[in-house]
């Protein structure tokens, strides 16, 4: 690809084909998986817990499979894990919450610009 083609690819519109959905864990410790899909493959998203960026580690596994992006949260063990999570890419954001079954849930706007 030449420089002009790279620039054209970089400028292609990206949108969420499938937004994040709220996840409910039935027991602790548990595992939760958030998943979204973009209109183009191999575009990196930034995952956030609240307003803080998530870095892959023993607790958080970030997976990109073409246009599908997953955030796997291992060892969900307490209130600190029950939060709003979001995926952002080029100014677009999809949000969802992680809740414990039987607790009052908070609904967030799942897609916003």
PDB file of N, CA and C in Angstrom:
ATOM      1  N   UNK A   1       0.837  -1.177   0.000  1.00  0.00           N
ATOM      2  CA  UNK A   1       0.000   0.000   0.000  1.00  0.00           C
ATOM      3  C   UNK A   1       0.883   1.241   0.000  1.00  0.00           C
ATOM      4  N   UNK A   2       0.541   2.212  -0.833  1.00  0.00           N
ATOM      5  CA  UNK A   2       1.321   3.444  -0.818  1.00  0.00           C
ATOM      6  C   UNK A   2       0.746   4.410   0.211  1.00  0.00           C
ATOM      7  N   UNK A   3       1.396   5.552   0.341  1.00  0.00           N
ATOM      8  CA  UNK A   3       1.004   6.517   1.374  1.00  0.00           C
ATOM      9  C   UNK A   3      -0.424   7.008   1.186  1.00  0.00           C
ATOM     10  N   UNK A   4      -0.832   7.260  -0.072  1.00  0.00           N
ATOM     11  CA  UNK A   4      -2.197   7.724  -0.330  1.00  0.00           C
ATOM     12  C   UNK A   4      -3.225   6.668   0.056  1.00  0.00           C
ATOM     13  N   UNK A   5      -2.928   5.404  -0.242  1.00  0.00           N
ATOM     14  CA  UNK A   5      -3.841   4.327   0.127  1.00  0.00           C
ATOM     15  C   UNK A   5      -3.936   4.191   1.646  1.00  0.00           C
ATOM     16  N   UNK A   6      -2.797   4.328   2.344  1.00  0.00           N
ATOM     17  CA  UNK A   6      -2.814   4.275   3.812  1.00  0.00           C
ATOM     18  C   UNK A   6      -3.679   5.384   4.383  1.00  0.00           C
ATOM     19  N   UNK A   7      -3.560   6.581   3.827  1.00  0.00           N
ATOM     20  CA  UNK A   7      -4.346   7.717   4.303  1.00  0.00           C
ATOM     21  C   UNK A   7      -5.837   7.470   4.063  1.00  0.00           C
ATOM     22  N   UNK A   8      -6.174   6.897   2.913  1.00  0.00           N
ATOM     23  CA  UNK A   8      -7.572   6.623   2.598  1.00  0.00           C
ATOM     24  C   UNK A   8      -8.141   5.588   3.559  1.00  0.00           C
ATOM     25  N   UNK A   9      -7.382   4.548   3.860  1.00  0.00           N
ATOM     26  CA  UNK A   9      -7.835   3.525   4.797  1.00  0.00           C
ATOM     27  C   UNK A   9      -8.025   4.130   6.176  1.00  0.00           C
ATOM     28  N   UNK A  10      -7.087   4.992   6.591  1.00  0.00           N
ATOM     29  CA  UNK A  10      -7.168   5.616   7.911  1.00  0.00           C
ATOM     30  C   UNK A  10      -8.402   6.504   8.042  1.00  0.00           C
ATOM     31  N   UNK A  11      -8.881   7.062   6.918  1.00  0.00           N
ATOM     32  CA  UNK A  11     -10.006   7.980   6.951  1.00  0.00           C
ATOM     33  C   UNK A  11     -11.354   7.282   6.783  1.00  0.00           C
ATOM     34  N   UNK A  12     -11.351   5.969   6.462  1.00  0.00           N
ATOM     35  CA  UNK A  12     -12.612   5.262   6.298  1.00  0.00           C
ATOM     36  C   UNK A  12     -13.433   5.351   7.578  1.00  0.00           C
ATOM     37  N   UNK A  13     -14.736   5.509   7.393  1.00  0.00           N
ATOM     38  CA  UNK A  13     -15.622   5.640   8.547  1.00  0.00           C
ATOM     39  C   UNK A  13     -15.695   4.318   9.310  1.00  0.00           C
ATOM     40  N   UNK A  14     -15.597   4.414  10.602  1.00  0.00           N
ATOM     41  CA  UNK A  14     -15.730   3.257  11.480  1.00  0.00           C
ATOM     42  C   UNK A  14     -16.929   3.498  12.369  1.00  0.00           C
ATOM     43  N   UNK A  15     -17.722   2.445  12.557  1.00  0.00           N
ATOM     44  CA  UNK A  15     -18.845   2.543  13.475  1.00  0.00           C
ATOM     45  C   UNK A  15     -19.028   1.212  14.189  1.00  0.00           C
ATOM     46  N   UNK A  16     -19.777   1.258  15.267  1.00  0.00           N
ATOM     47  CA  UNK A  16     -20.078   0.042  16.001  1.00  0.00           C
ATOM     48  C   UNK A  16     -21.228  -0.675  15.281  1.00  0.00           C
ATOM     49  N   UNK A  17     -20.963  -1.906  14.843  1.00  0.00           N
ATOM     50  CA  UNK A  17     -21.995  -2.748  14.244  1.00  0.00           C
ATOM     51  C   UNK A  17     -22.797  -3.403  15.362  1.00  0.00           C
ATOM     52  N   UNK A  18     -22.109  -3.749  16.433  1.00  0.00           N
ATOM     53  CA  UNK A  18     -22.734  -4.351  17.611  1.00  0.00           C
ATOM     54  C   UNK A  18     -22.137  -3.680  18.839  1.00  0.00           C
ATOM     55  N   UNK A  19     -22.982  -3.047  19.641  1.00  0.00           N
ATOM     56  CA  UNK A  19     -22.522  -2.341  20.840  1.00  0.00           C
ATOM     57  C   UNK A  19     -22.327  -3.306  22.005  1.00  0.00           C
ATOM     58  N   UNK A  20     -21.612  -2.831  23.009  1.00  0.00           N
ATOM     59  CA  UNK A  20     -21.479  -3.589  24.249  1.00  0.00           C
ATOM     60  C   UNK A  20     -22.842  -3.770  24.897  1.00  0.00           C
ATOM     61  N   UNK A  21     -23.022  -4.883  25.581  1.00  0.00           N
ATOM     62  CA  UNK A  21     -24.251  -5.162  26.322  1.00  0.00           C
ATOM     63  C   UNK A  21     -23.896  -5.337  27.796  1.00  0.00           C
ATOM     64  N   UNK A  22     -24.826  -4.973  28.675  1.00  0.00           N
ATOM     65  CA  UNK A  22     -24.604  -5.187  30.104  1.00  0.00           C
ATOM     66  C   UNK A  22     -24.325  -6.668  30.372  1.00  0.00           C
ATOM     67  N   UNK A  23     -23.478  -6.921  31.350  1.00  0.00           N
ATOM     68  CA  UNK A  23     -23.129  -8.283  31.736  1.00  0.00           C
ATOM     69  C   UNK A  23     -23.505  -8.470  33.202  1.00  0.00           C
ATOM     70  N   UNK A  24     -24.100  -9.612  33.502  1.00  0.00           N
ATOM     71  CA  UNK A  24     -24.479  -9.940  34.877  1.00  0.00           C
ATOM     72  C   UNK A  24     -23.755 -11.211  35.277  1.00  0.00           C
ATOM     73  N   UNK A  25     -23.002 -11.144  36.379  1.00  0.00           N
ATOM     74  CA  UNK A  25     -22.378 -12.353  36.922  1.00  0.00           C
ATOM     75  C   UNK A  25     -23.309 -12.902  37.997  1.00  0.00           C
ATOM     76  N   UNK A  26     -23.415 -14.232  38.021  1.00  0.00           N
ATOM     77  CA  UNK A  26     -24.356 -14.848  38.959  1.00  0.00           C
ATOM     78  C   UNK A  26     -23.725 -15.136  40.309  1.00  0.00           C
ATOM     79  N   UNK A  27     -22.399 -15.220  40.336  1.00  0.00           N
ATOM     80  CA  UNK A  27     -21.716 -15.469  41.602  1.00  0.00           C
ATOM     81  C   UNK A  27     -20.297 -14.935  41.549  1.00  0.00           C
ATOM     82  N   UNK A  28     -19.725 -14.738  42.720  1.00  0.00           N
ATOM     83  CA  UNK A  28     -18.341 -14.297  42.823  1.00  0.00           C
ATOM     84  C   UNK A  28     -17.551 -15.371  43.550  1.00  0.00           C
ATOM     85  N   UNK A  29     -16.329 -15.658  43.164  1.00  0.00           N
ATOM     86  CA  UNK A  29     -15.654 -15.050  42.014  1.00  0.00           C
ATOM     87  C   UNK A  29     -16.255 -15.553  40.706  1.00  0.00           C
ATOM     88  N   UNK A  30     -16.187 -14.717  39.698  1.00  0.00           N
ATOM     89  CA  UNK A  30     -16.750 -15.060  38.399  1.00  0.00           C
ATOM     90  C   UNK A  30     -15.923 -14.452  37.286  1.00  0.00           C
ATOM     91  N   UNK A  31     -16.352 -14.722  36.067  1.00  0.00           N
ATOM     92  CA  UNK A  31     -15.706 -14.171  34.879  1.00  0.00           C
ATOM     93  C   UNK A  31     -16.767 -13.458  34.057  1.00  0.00           C
ATOM     94  N   UNK A  32     -16.412 -12.303  33.515  1.00  0.00           N
ATOM     95  CA  UNK A  32     -17.335 -11.530  32.689  1.00  0.00           C
ATOM     96  C   UNK A  32     -16.663 -11.217  31.357  1.00  0.00           C
ATOM     97  N   UNK A  33     -17.448 -11.260  30.281  1.00  0.00           N
ATOM     98  CA  UNK A  33     -16.920 -10.938  28.960  1.00  0.00           C
ATOM     99  C   UNK A  33     -17.797  -9.893  28.296  1.00  0.00           C
ATOM    100  N   UNK A  34     -17.182  -8.775  27.925  1.00  0.00           N
ATOM    101  CA  UNK A  34     -17.844  -7.741  27.138  1.00  0.00           C
ATOM    102  C   UNK A  34     -17.396  -7.918  25.696  1.00  0.00           C
ATOM    103  N   UNK A  35     -18.316  -7.696  24.750  1.00  0.00           N
ATOM    104  CA  UNK A  35     -17.979  -7.902  23.349  1.00  0.00           C
ATOM    105  C   UNK A  35     -18.671  -6.851  22.491  1.00  0.00           C
ATOM    106  N   UNK A  36     -17.947  -6.331  21.513  1.00  0.00           N
ATOM    107  CA  UNK A  36     -18.520  -5.407  20.544  1.00  0.00           C
ATOM    108  C   UNK A  36     -17.923  -5.717  19.178  1.00  0.00           C
ATOM    109  N   UNK A  37     -18.546  -5.170  18.144  1.00  0.00           N
ATOM    110  CA  UNK A  37     -18.059  -5.394  16.788  1.00  0.00           C
ATOM    111  C   UNK A  37     -18.038  -4.077  16.037  1.00  0.00           C
ATOM    112  N   UNK A  38     -16.945  -3.848  15.316  1.00  0.00           N
ATOM    113  CA  UNK A  38     -16.789  -2.642  14.511  1.00  0.00           C
ATOM    114  C   UNK A  38     -17.101  -2.933  13.048  1.00  0.00           C
ATOM    115  N   UNK A  39     -17.265  -1.895  12.271  1.00  0.00           N
ATOM    116  CA  UNK A  39     -17.561  -2.045  10.851  1.00  0.00           C
ATOM    117  C   UNK A  39     -16.322  -2.420  10.032  1.00  0.00           C
ATOM    118  N   UNK A  40     -15.149  -2.314  10.626  1.00  0.00           N
ATOM    119  CA  UNK A  40     -13.901  -2.683   9.943  1.00  0.00           C
ATOM    120  C   UNK A  40     -13.057  -3.547  10.856  1.00  0.00           C
ATOM    121  N   UNK A  41     -12.329  -4.509  10.281  1.00  0.00           N
ATOM    122  CA  UNK A  41     -11.464  -5.365  11.090  1.00  0.00           C
ATOM    123  C   UNK A  41     -10.149  -4.693  11.439  1.00  0.00           C
ATOM    124  N   UNK A  42      -9.497  -5.243  12.455  1.00  0.00           N
ATOM    125  CA  UNK A  42      -8.132  -4.879  12.843  1.00  0.00           C
ATOM    126  C   UNK A  42      -7.936  -3.408  13.168  1.00  0.00           C
ATOM    127  N   UNK A  43      -8.938  -2.823  13.800  1.00  0.00           N
ATOM    128  CA  UNK A  43      -8.845  -1.450  14.292  1.00  0.00           C
ATOM    129  C   UNK A  43      -8.821  -1.533  15.811  1.00  0.00           C
ATOM    130  N   UNK A  44      -7.793  -0.985  16.417  1.00  0.00           N
ATOM    131  CA  UNK A  44      -7.627  -1.093  17.862  1.00  0.00           C
ATOM    132  C   UNK A  44      -8.626  -0.210  18.608  1.00  0.00           C
ATOM    133  N   UNK A  45      -9.220  -0.768  19.655  1.00  0.00           N
ATOM    134  CA  UNK A  45     -10.096   0.012  20.532  1.00  0.00           C
ATOM    135  C   UNK A  45      -9.395   0.208  21.874  1.00  0.00           C
ATOM    136  N   UNK A  46      -9.783   1.239  22.572  1.00  0.00           N
ATOM    137  CA  UNK A  46      -9.283   1.498  23.926  1.00  0.00           C
ATOM    138  C   UNK A  46     -10.384   1.095  24.888  1.00  0.00           C
ATOM    139  N   UNK A  47     -10.071   0.201  25.819  1.00  0.00           N
ATOM    140  CA  UNK A  47     -11.022  -0.226  26.843  1.00  0.00           C
ATOM    141  C   UNK A  47     -10.841   0.628  28.087  1.00  0.00           C
ATOM    142  N   UNK A  48     -11.959   0.982  28.713  1.00  0.00           N
ATOM    143  CA  UNK A  48     -11.933   1.794  29.928  1.00  0.00           C
ATOM    144  C   UNK A  48     -12.821   1.166  30.994  1.00  0.00           C
ATOM    145  N   UNK A  49     -12.385   1.309  32.233  1.00  0.00           N
ATOM    146  CA  UNK A  49     -13.220   0.986  33.397  1.00  0.00           C
ATOM    147  C   UNK A  49     -13.522   2.328  34.036  1.00  0.00           C
ATOM    148  N   UNK A  50     -14.766   2.745  33.952  1.00  0.00           N
ATOM    149  CA  UNK A  50     -15.082   4.117  34.351  1.00  0.00           C
ATOM    150  C   UNK A  50     -14.376   5.055  33.382  1.00  0.00           C
ATOM    151  N   UNK A  51     -13.480   5.861  33.917  1.00  0.00           N
ATOM    152  CA  UNK A  51     -12.700   6.770  33.061  1.00  0.00           C
ATOM    153  C   UNK A  51     -11.236   6.352  32.944  1.00  0.00           C
ATOM    154  N   UNK A  52     -10.887   5.219  33.543  1.00  0.00           N
ATOM    155  CA  UNK A  52      -9.485   4.786  33.570  1.00  0.00           C
ATOM    156  C   UNK A  52      -9.200   3.746  32.493  1.00  0.00           C
ATOM    157  N   UNK A  53      -8.139   3.949  31.693  1.00  0.00           N
ATOM    158  CA  UNK A  53      -7.771   2.971  30.673  1.00  0.00           C
ATOM    159  C   UNK A  53      -7.429   1.614  31.301  1.00  0.00           C
ATOM    160  N   UNK A  54      -7.797   0.560  30.595  1.00  0.00           N
ATOM    161  CA  UNK A  54      -7.508  -0.806  31.028  1.00  0.00           C
ATOM    162  C   UNK A  54      -6.308  -1.319  30.259  1.00  0.00           C
ATOM    163  N   UNK A  55      -5.340  -1.850  30.990  1.00  0.00           N
ATOM    164  CA  UNK A  55      -4.181  -2.490  30.381  1.00  0.00           C
ATOM    165  C   UNK A  55      -4.293  -3.987  30.621  1.00  0.00           C
ATOM    166  N   UNK A  56      -3.992  -4.799  29.591  1.00  0.00           N
ATOM    167  CA  UNK A  56      -4.054  -6.254  29.791  1.00  0.00           C
ATOM    168  C   UNK A  56      -3.127  -6.692  30.923  1.00  0.00           C
ATOM    169  N   UNK A  57      -3.635  -7.567  31.787  1.00  0.00           N
ATOM    170  CA  UNK A  57      -2.834  -8.117  32.888  1.00  0.00           C
ATOM    171  C   UNK A  57      -3.493  -9.411  33.351  1.00  0.00           C
ATOM    172  N   UNK A  58      -3.178  -9.852  34.566  1.00  0.00           N
ATOM    173  CA  UNK A  58      -3.752 -11.108  35.070  1.00  0.00           C
ATOM    174  C   UNK A  58      -5.275 -11.042  35.235  1.00  0.00           C
ATOM    175  N   UNK A  59      -5.827  -9.841  35.384  1.00  0.00           N
ATOM    176  CA  UNK A  59      -7.269  -9.675  35.587  1.00  0.00           C
ATOM    177  C   UNK A  59      -8.006  -9.391  34.284  1.00  0.00           C
ATOM    178  N   UNK A  60      -7.414  -8.594  33.413  1.00  0.00           N
ATOM    179  CA  UNK A  60      -8.061  -8.157  32.174  1.00  0.00           C
ATOM    180  C   UNK A  60      -7.369  -8.754  30.955  1.00  0.00           C
ATOM    181  N   UNK A  61      -8.154  -9.428  30.110  1.00  0.00           N
ATOM    182  CA  UNK A  61      -7.642  -9.980  28.862  1.00  0.00           C
ATOM    183  C   UNK A  61      -8.345  -9.256  27.718  1.00  0.00           C
ATOM    184  N   UNK A  62      -7.568  -8.602  26.851  1.00  0.00           N
ATOM    185  CA  UNK A  62      -8.105  -7.863  25.718  1.00  0.00           C
ATOM    186  C   UNK A  62      -7.875  -8.691  24.458  1.00  0.00           C
ATOM    187  N   UNK A  63      -8.954  -8.954  23.725  1.00  0.00           N
ATOM    188  CA  UNK A  63      -8.885  -9.804  22.538  1.00  0.00           C
ATOM    189  C   UNK A  63      -9.445  -9.048  21.331  1.00  0.00           C
ATOM    190  N   UNK A  64      -8.694  -9.062  20.228  1.00  0.00           N
ATOM    191  CA  UNK A  64      -9.183  -8.528  18.959  1.00  0.00           C
ATOM    192  C   UNK A  64      -9.193  -9.682  17.972  1.00  0.00           C
ATOM    193  N   UNK A  65     -10.374  -9.991  17.443  1.00  0.00           N
ATOM    194  CA  UNK A  65     -10.537 -11.076  16.481  1.00  0.00           C
ATOM    195  C   UNK A  65     -11.204 -10.487  15.244  1.00  0.00           C
ATOM    196  N   UNK A  66     -10.382  -9.906  14.358  1.00  0.00           N
ATOM    197  CA  UNK A  66     -10.926  -9.204  13.193  1.00  0.00           C
ATOM    198  C   UNK A  66     -11.632  -7.943  13.642  1.00  0.00           C
ATOM    199  N   UNK A  67     -12.952  -7.868  13.383  1.00  0.00           N
ATOM    200  CA  UNK A  67     -13.735  -6.694  13.771  1.00  0.00           C
ATOM    201  C   UNK A  67     -14.363  -6.844  15.156  1.00  0.00           C
ATOM    202  N   UNK A  68     -14.232  -8.034  15.750  1.00  0.00           N
ATOM    203  CA  UNK A  68     -14.833  -8.303  17.063  1.00  0.00           C
ATOM    204  C   UNK A  68     -13.796  -8.054  18.156  1.00  0.00           C
ATOM    205  N   UNK A  69     -14.216  -7.317  19.164  1.00  0.00           N
ATOM    206  CA  UNK A  69     -13.338  -6.976  20.288  1.00  0.00           C
ATOM    207  C   UNK A  69     -13.974  -7.492  21.566  1.00  0.00           C
ATOM    208  N   UNK A  70     -13.138  -8.120  22.420  1.00  0.00           N
ATOM    209  CA  UNK A  70     -13.622  -8.656  23.689  1.00  0.00           C
ATOM    210  C   UNK A  70     -12.747  -8.174  24.837  1.00  0.00           C
ATOM    211  N   UNK A  71     -13.396  -7.932  25.952  1.00  0.00           N
ATOM    212  CA  UNK A  71     -12.716  -7.669  27.213  1.00  0.00           C
ATOM    213  C   UNK A  71     -13.177  -8.755  28.171  1.00  0.00           C
ATOM    214  N   UNK A  72     -12.236  -9.597  28.607  1.00  0.00           N
ATOM    215  CA  UNK A  72     -12.548 -10.654  29.558  1.00  0.00           C
ATOM    216  C   UNK A  72     -12.018 -10.222  30.923  1.00  0.00           C
ATOM    217  N   UNK A  73     -12.900 -10.195  31.911  1.00  0.00           N
ATOM    218  CA  UNK A  73     -12.531  -9.813  33.274  1.00  0.00           C
ATOM    219  C   UNK A  73     -12.561 -11.078  34.112  1.00  0.00           C
ATOM    220  N   UNK A  74     -11.392 -11.463  34.594  1.00  0.00           N
ATOM    221  CA  UNK A  74     -11.288 -12.670  35.423  1.00  0.00           C
ATOM    222  C   UNK A  74     -11.375 -12.285  36.900  1.00  0.00           C
ATOM    223  N   UNK A  75     -11.758 -13.240  37.704  1.00  0.00           N
ATOM    224  CA  UNK A  75     -11.805 -13.053  39.162  1.00  0.00           C
ATOM    225  C   UNK A  75     -12.617 -11.839  39.567  1.00  0.00           C
ATOM    226  N   UNK A  76     -13.846 -11.754  39.061  1.00  0.00           N
ATOM    227  CA  UNK A  76     -14.767 -10.710  39.519  1.00  0.00           C
ATOM    228  C   UNK A  76     -15.114 -11.072  40.958  1.00  0.00           C
ATOM    229  N   UNK A  77     -14.600 -10.271  41.902  1.00  0.00           N
ATOM    230  CA  UNK A  77     -14.744 -10.664  43.304  1.00  0.00           C
ATOM    231  C   UNK A  77     -15.398  -9.628  44.207  1.00  0.00           C
ATOM    232  N   UNK A  78     -15.638  -8.429  43.711  1.00  0.00           N
ATOM    233  CA  UNK A  78     -16.208  -7.460  44.629  1.00  0.00           C
ATOM    234  C   UNK A  78     -16.813  -6.261  43.942  1.00  0.00           C
ATOM    235  N   UNK A  79     -17.308  -5.366  44.768  1.00  0.00           N
ATOM    236  CA  UNK A  79     -17.966  -4.153  44.295  1.00  0.00           C
ATOM    237  C   UNK A  79     -17.074  -3.337  43.364  1.00  0.00           C
ATOM    238  N   UNK A  80     -15.757  -3.388  43.590  1.00  0.00           N
ATOM    239  CA  UNK A  80     -14.845  -2.613  42.759  1.00  0.00           C
ATOM    240  C   UNK A  80     -14.914  -3.033  41.290  1.00  0.00           C
ATOM    241  N   UNK A  81     -15.227  -4.305  41.031  1.00  0.00           N
ATOM    242  CA  UNK A  81     -15.320  -4.796  39.658  1.00  0.00           C
ATOM    243  C   UNK A  81     -16.649  -4.439  39.004  1.00  0.00           C
ATOM    244  N   UNK A  82     -17.675  -4.203  39.817  1.00  0.00           N
ATOM    245  CA  UNK A  82     -18.999  -3.873  39.305  1.00  0.00           C
ATOM    246  C   UNK A  82     -18.998  -2.396  38.937  1.00  0.00           C
ATOM    247  N   UNK A  83     -18.879  -2.131  37.643  1.00  0.00           N
ATOM    248  CA  UNK A  83     -18.648  -0.767  37.180  1.00  0.00           C
ATOM    249  C   UNK A  83     -19.150  -0.620  35.754  1.00  0.00           C
ATOM    250  N   UNK A  84     -18.971   0.573  35.207  1.00  0.00           N
ATOM    251  CA  UNK A  84     -19.224   0.828  33.799  1.00  0.00           C
ATOM    252  C   UNK A  84     -17.936   0.553  33.025  1.00  0.00           C
ATOM    253  N   UNK A  85     -18.048  -0.150  31.918  1.00  0.00           N
ATOM    254  CA  UNK A  85     -16.920  -0.433  31.039  1.00  0.00           C
ATOM    255  C   UNK A  85     -17.248   0.121  29.666  1.00  0.00           C
ATOM    256  N   UNK A  86     -16.236   0.584  28.947  1.00  0.00           N
ATOM    257  CA  UNK A  86     -16.492   1.130  27.622  1.00  0.00           C
ATOM    258  C   UNK A  86     -15.357   0.804  26.659  1.00  0.00           C
ATOM    259  N   UNK A  87     -15.734   0.793  25.394  1.00  0.00           N
ATOM    260  CA  UNK A  87     -14.786   0.624  24.299  1.00  0.00           C
ATOM    261  C   UNK A  87     -14.856   1.898  23.470  1.00  0.00           C
ATOM    262  N   UNK A  88     -13.713   2.502  23.201  1.00  0.00           N
ATOM    263  CA  UNK A  88     -13.695   3.721  22.413  1.00  0.00           C
ATOM    264  C   UNK A  88     -12.781   3.549  21.204  1.00  0.00           C
ATOM    265  N   UNK A  89     -13.191   4.172  20.117  1.00  0.00           N
ATOM    266  CA  UNK A  89     -12.394   4.161  18.889  1.00  0.00           C
ATOM    267  C   UNK A  89     -12.740   5.402  18.084  1.00  0.00           C
ATOM    268  N   UNK A  90     -11.726   6.180  17.759  1.00  0.00           N
ATOM    269  CA  UNK A  90     -11.879   7.372  16.901  1.00  0.00           C
ATOM    270  C   UNK A  90     -13.085   8.234  17.257  1.00  0.00           C
ATOM    271  N   UNK A  91     -13.219   8.538  18.536  1.00  0.00           N
ATOM    272  CA  UNK A  91     -14.277   9.431  18.989  1.00  0.00           C
ATOM    273  C   UNK A  91     -15.622   8.774  19.239  1.00  0.00           C
ATOM    274  N   UNK A  92     -15.751   7.488  18.948  1.00  0.00           N
ATOM    275  CA  UNK A  92     -16.990   6.758  19.214  1.00  0.00           C
ATOM    276  C   UNK A  92     -16.828   5.938  20.482  1.00  0.00           C
ATOM    277  N   UNK A  93     -17.904   5.800  21.235  1.00  0.00           N
ATOM    278  CA  UNK A  93     -17.862   5.049  22.489  1.00  0.00           C
ATOM    279  C   UNK A  93     -19.082   4.157  22.612  1.00  0.00           C
ATOM    280  N   UNK A  94     -18.854   2.949  23.089  1.00  0.00           N
ATOM    281  CA  UNK A  94     -19.934   2.040  23.458  1.00  0.00           C
ATOM    282  C   UNK A  94     -19.726   1.687  24.926  1.00  0.00           C
ATOM    283  N   UNK A  95     -20.810   1.765  25.722  1.00  0.00           N
ATOM    284  CA  UNK A  95     -20.699   1.554  27.163  1.00  0.00           C
ATOM    285  C   UNK A  95     -21.671   0.490  27.631  1.00  0.00           C
ATOM    286  N   UNK A  96     -21.264  -0.199  28.688  1.00  0.00           N
ATOM    287  CA  UNK A  96     -22.145  -1.174  29.338  1.00  0.00           C
ATOM    288  C   UNK A  96     -21.683  -1.320  30.779  1.00  0.00           C
ATOM    289  N   UNK A  97     -22.509  -1.981  31.576  1.00  0.00           N
ATOM    290  CA  UNK A  97     -22.157  -2.135  32.983  1.00  0.00           C
ATOM    291  C   UNK A  97     -22.031  -3.602  33.359  1.00  0.00           C
ATOM    292  N   UNK A  98     -21.235  -3.842  34.387  1.00  0.00           N
ATOM    293  CA  UNK A  98     -21.065  -5.172  34.966  1.00  0.00           C
ATOM    294  C   UNK A  98     -21.808  -5.174  36.292  1.00  0.00           C
ATOM    295  N   UNK A  99     -22.736  -6.110  36.443  1.00  0.00           N
ATOM    296  CA  UNK A  99     -23.574  -6.171  37.640  1.00  0.00           C
ATOM    297  C   UNK A  99     -23.577  -7.575  38.220  1.00  0.00           C
ATOM    298  N   UNK A 100     -23.956  -7.667  39.473  1.00  0.00           N
ATOM    299  CA  UNK A 100     -24.114  -8.946  40.156  1.00  0.00           C
ATOM    300  C   UNK A 100     -25.589  -9.300  40.152  1.00  0.00           C
ATOM    301  N   UNK A 101     -25.910 -10.545  39.784  1.00  0.00           N
ATOM    302  CA  UNK A 101     -27.297 -10.991  39.741  1.00  0.00           C
ATOM    303  C   UNK A 101     -27.967 -10.757  41.092  1.00  0.00           C
ATOM    304  N   UNK A 102     -29.164 -10.184  41.050  1.00  0.00           N
ATOM    305  CA  UNK A 102     -29.904  -9.928  42.276  1.00  0.00           C
ATOM    306  C   UNK A 102     -29.684  -8.547  42.852  1.00  0.00           C
ATOM    307  N   UNK A 103     -28.655  -7.840  42.378  1.00  0.00           N
ATOM    308  CA  UNK A 103     -28.426  -6.468  42.845  1.00  0.00           C
ATOM    309  C   UNK A 103     -29.126  -5.501  41.903  1.00  0.00           C
ATOM    310  N   UNK A 104     -29.447  -4.324  42.395  1.00  0.00           N
ATOM    311  CA  UNK A 104     -30.022  -3.295  41.552  1.00  0.00           C
ATOM    312  C   UNK A 104     -29.016  -2.920  40.495  1.00  0.00           C
ATOM    313  N   UNK A 105     -29.466  -2.847  39.247  1.00  0.00           N
ATOM    314  CA  UNK A 105     -28.564  -2.522  38.156  1.00  0.00           C
ATOM    315  C   UNK A 105     -28.750  -1.090  37.721  1.00  0.00           C
ATOM    316  N   UNK A 106     -27.702  -0.542  37.178  1.00  0.00           N
ATOM    317  CA  UNK A 106     -27.718   0.802  36.629  1.00  0.00           C
ATOM    318  C   UNK A 106     -27.645   0.668  35.122  1.00  0.00           C
ATOM    319  N   UNK A 107     -28.518   1.354  34.404  1.00  0.00           N
ATOM    320  CA  UNK A 107     -28.511   1.280  32.947  1.00  0.00           C
ATOM    321  C   UNK A 107     -27.766   2.487  32.408  1.00  0.00           C
ATOM    322  N   UNK A 108     -26.861   2.220  31.483  1.00  0.00           N
ATOM    323  CA  UNK A 108     -26.099   3.279  30.832  1.00  0.00           C
ATOM    324  C   UNK A 108     -26.517   3.358  29.380  1.00  0.00           C
ATOM    325  N   UNK A 109     -26.265   4.502  28.758  1.00  0.00           N
ATOM    326  CA  UNK A 109     -26.459   4.659  27.337  1.00  0.00           C
ATOM    327  C   UNK A 109     -25.425   3.796  26.637  1.00  0.00           C
ATOM    328  N   UNK A 110     -25.843   2.826  25.834  1.00  0.00           N
ATOM    329  CA  UNK A 110     -24.918   1.868  25.236  1.00  0.00           C
ATOM    330  C   UNK A 110     -24.122   2.419  24.067  1.00  0.00           C
ATOM    331  N   UNK A 111     -24.536   3.463  23.464  1.00  0.00           N
ATOM    332  CA  UNK A 111     -23.772   4.028  22.358  1.00  0.00           C
ATOM    333  C   UNK A 111     -23.884   5.531  22.376  1.00  0.00           C
ATOM    334  N   UNK A 112     -22.773   6.196  22.130  1.00  0.00           N
ATOM    335  CA  UNK A 112     -22.799   7.645  22.093  1.00  0.00           C
ATOM    336  C   UNK A 112     -21.664   8.139  21.224  1.00  0.00           C
ATOM    337  N   UNK A 113     -21.794   9.357  20.782  1.00  0.00           N
ATOM    338  CA  UNK A 113     -20.730   9.987  19.981  1.00  0.00           C
ATOM    339  C   UNK A 113     -19.916  10.881  20.855  1.00  0.00           C
TER     340      UNK A 113
END
